[in-house]
Amino acid sequence: MSELTLLLIRLAFLAVLWFFVIAAVGVIRTDLFGPRTAPAPARKPVKQPRPVSKPKKGEPRQLIVTGGPLQGTIINLTETPITIGRANDATLVLSDDYASSRHARLFPQDGQWIVEDLGSTNGTYLERSKVTRPTPVPLGVPIRIGKTVIELRK
């Protein structure tokens, strides 16, 4: 092999190695700080949320952690979405290696609660099924995020 060929192979290997390092740093940054988002455009003033009404009979009133390190934690349900993950600004902050910074969210829609996976690495499970799109959550059905299990209860 000529000197020039050997030099080109070394440079190509070095370029691939740097590409791998940059990609790994990008994945770690996204996991720690969340995805980059463009600043939101200026919007009209937001209307104040309507007063919280009492849940109707048969509707869930609480989110209860039934398994994992936070077992026994209770969050009262209102009209505001609940975010779940390792980020400090999440409604339910998990200290779980299998949870992403912004792992999942629960939100009310048309009288029922919906669970949505937010692009997590290890997935969100409703009972034993992986959540791939926004899915309604029945009362008492476990939602598993890493080692944490939560349920909606009356």
Protein backbone atom coordinates (compact mmCIF):
# COMPACT_ATOMS: atom_id res chain seq x y z
CA MET A 1 0.00 0.00 0.00
CA SER A 2 1.25 3.43 -0.81
CA GLU A 3 1.88 6.13 1.79
CA LEU A 4 -0.96 8.23 0.37
CA THR A 5 -3.52 5.40 0.65
CA LEU A 6 -2.48 4.68 4.23
CA LEU A 7 -2.79 8.39 5.13
CA LEU A 8 -6.29 8.58 3.57
CA ILE A 9 -7.43 5.49 5.51
CA ARG A 10 -6.13 7.01 8.76
CA LEU A 11 -7.91 10.32 8.09
CA ALA A 12 -11.18 8.52 7.25
CA PHE A 13 -10.94 6.49 10.46
CA LEU A 14 -10.29 9.66 12.48
CA ALA A 15 -13.32 11.38 10.87
CA VAL A 16 -15.60 8.43 11.68
CA LEU A 17 -14.29 8.37 15.26
CA TRP A 18 -15.03 12.10 15.73
CA PHE A 19 -18.49 11.66 14.21
CA PHE A 20 -19.22 8.94 16.79
CA VAL A 21 -17.98 11.12 19.69
CA ILE A 22 -20.09 14.10 18.56
CA ALA A 23 -23.18 11.90 18.15
CA ALA A 24 -22.70 10.38 21.63
CA VAL A 25 -22.35 13.84 23.22
CA GLY A 26 -25.53 14.96 21.41
CA VAL A 27 -27.52 12.00 22.76
CA ILE A 28 -26.27 12.62 26.31
CA ARG A 29 -27.10 16.34 26.04
CA THR A 30 -30.62 15.59 24.80
CA ASP A 31 -31.21 13.11 27.61
CA LEU A 32 -30.04 15.56 30.27
CA PHE A 33 -31.55 18.81 29.00
CA GLY A 34 -34.31 17.74 26.59
CA PRO A 35 -34.54 18.40 22.86
CA ARG A 36 -33.69 21.81 21.44
CA THR A 37 -36.73 23.85 20.64
CA ALA A 38 -37.00 27.11 18.80
CA PRO A 39 -38.33 30.03 20.84
CA ALA A 40 -42.08 30.22 20.61
CA PRO A 41 -43.45 33.05 18.48
CA ALA A 42 -45.25 35.85 20.29
CA ARG A 43 -48.83 34.84 20.93
CA LYS A 44 -52.03 36.51 21.95
CA PRO A 45 -52.64 36.66 25.69
CA VAL A 46 -53.71 33.32 27.07
CA LYS A 47 -57.17 33.08 28.60
CA GLN A 48 -57.25 32.25 32.27
CA PRO A 49 -58.11 28.60 32.91
CA ARG A 50 -61.66 27.93 33.92
CA PRO A 51 -62.27 27.08 37.55
CA VAL A 52 -61.71 23.46 38.43
CA SER A 53 -65.00 21.65 38.63
CA LYS A 54 -65.63 18.63 40.79
CA PRO A 55 -65.01 15.39 38.93
CA LYS A 56 -68.16 13.64 37.80
CA LYS A 57 -69.09 10.30 39.26
CA GLY A 58 -66.84 7.59 37.83
CA GLU A 59 -64.07 9.98 36.80
CA PRO A 60 -60.62 9.62 38.37
CA ARG A 61 -59.71 12.11 41.09
CA GLN A 62 -56.17 11.03 41.98
CA LEU A 63 -52.98 9.74 40.43
CA ILE A 64 -51.39 7.27 42.85
CA VAL A 65 -47.89 5.80 42.65
CA THR A 66 -48.44 2.10 43.43
CA GLY A 67 -44.92 0.80 42.81
CA GLY A 68 -41.35 2.01 42.80
CA PRO A 69 -39.34 4.38 44.96
CA LEU A 70 -42.17 6.96 45.22
CA GLN A 71 -44.82 4.42 46.24
CA GLY A 72 -47.67 6.07 48.12
CA THR A 73 -47.32 9.47 46.40
CA ILE A 74 -50.72 10.96 45.54
CA ILE A 75 -51.38 13.75 43.03
CA ASN A 76 -54.87 15.25 42.88
CA LEU A 77 -56.11 15.53 39.30
CA THR A 78 -57.16 18.91 37.91
CA GLU A 79 -57.53 20.18 34.36
CA THR A 80 -53.76 20.69 34.01
CA PRO A 81 -51.60 18.07 32.28
CA ILE A 82 -49.24 16.00 34.42
CA THR A 83 -45.69 15.57 33.15
CA ILE A 84 -43.60 12.64 34.33
CA GLY A 85 -39.83 12.30 34.10
CA ARG A 86 -36.45 13.05 35.64
CA ALA A 87 -36.53 16.79 34.83
CA ASN A 88 -36.92 19.05 37.86
CA ASP A 89 -39.86 20.86 36.27
CA ALA A 90 -41.93 17.66 35.87
CA THR A 91 -45.09 17.28 37.94
CA LEU A 92 -43.95 13.81 39.07
CA VAL A 93 -40.14 13.79 39.29
CA LEU A 94 -38.69 10.28 39.02
CA SER A 95 -35.19 9.38 40.17
CA ASP A 96 -35.12 6.32 37.96
CA ASP A 97 -32.34 5.39 35.55
CA TYR A 98 -34.94 3.97 33.15
CA ALA A 99 -36.94 7.22 32.93
CA SER A 100 -36.14 10.00 30.47
CA SER A 101 -36.04 13.69 31.41
CA ARG A 102 -39.45 14.24 29.83
CA HIS A 103 -40.80 10.73 29.68
CA ALA A 104 -44.60 10.91 29.47
CA ARG A 105 -47.58 13.08 30.14
CA LEU A 106 -51.16 12.55 31.27
CA PHE A 107 -53.82 15.03 30.18
CA PRO A 108 -57.61 15.25 30.28
CA GLN A 109 -59.50 15.18 27.00
CA ASP A 110 -63.23 14.76 26.42
CA GLY A 111 -63.91 13.53 29.96
CA GLN A 112 -61.13 10.94 30.05
CA TRP A 113 -57.42 10.92 30.84
CA ILE A 114 -54.91 10.24 28.06
CA VAL A 115 -51.33 8.98 28.46
CA GLU A 116 -48.74 9.98 25.87
CA ASP A 117 -45.12 8.87 25.62
CA LEU A 118 -42.86 11.86 24.88
CA GLY A 119 -40.25 9.99 22.86
CA SER A 120 -38.68 8.23 25.82
CA THR A 121 -35.82 5.80 25.41
CA ASN A 122 -37.29 2.88 27.38
CA GLY A 123 -40.99 3.43 26.66
CA THR A 124 -44.18 3.88 28.63
CA TYR A 125 -46.44 0.88 29.25
CA LEU A 126 -50.20 0.84 29.85
CA GLU A 127 -50.84 -2.49 31.56
CA ARG A 128 -48.53 -4.66 29.40
CA SER A 129 -48.82 -2.76 26.12
CA LYS A 130 -46.27 -0.20 25.00
CA VAL A 131 -47.80 3.25 24.44
CA THR A 132 -47.02 4.36 20.89
CA ARG A 133 -49.68 7.05 20.53
CA PRO A 134 -51.93 8.98 22.92
CA THR A 135 -54.05 6.34 24.65
CA PRO A 136 -57.03 6.62 27.05
CA VAL A 137 -56.31 5.35 30.58
CA PRO A 138 -59.08 3.40 32.35
CA LEU A 139 -59.44 3.57 36.14
CA GLY A 140 -57.10 1.25 38.04
CA VAL A 141 -55.03 0.19 35.00
CA PRO A 142 -51.29 0.42 35.80
CA ILE A 143 -49.00 2.72 33.84
CA ARG A 144 -45.34 1.66 34.09
CA ILE A 145 -42.44 4.05 33.55
CA GLY A 146 -39.15 2.35 34.39
CA LYS A 147 -39.54 0.94 37.92
CA THR A 148 -42.43 3.27 38.77
CA VAL A 149 -46.06 2.14 38.49
CA ILE A 150 -48.93 4.66 38.66
CA GLU A 151 -52.71 4.34 38.49
CA LEU A 152 -55.72 6.60 38.18
CA ARG A 153 -58.16 6.19 41.08
CA LYS A 154 -61.43 7.70 42.30
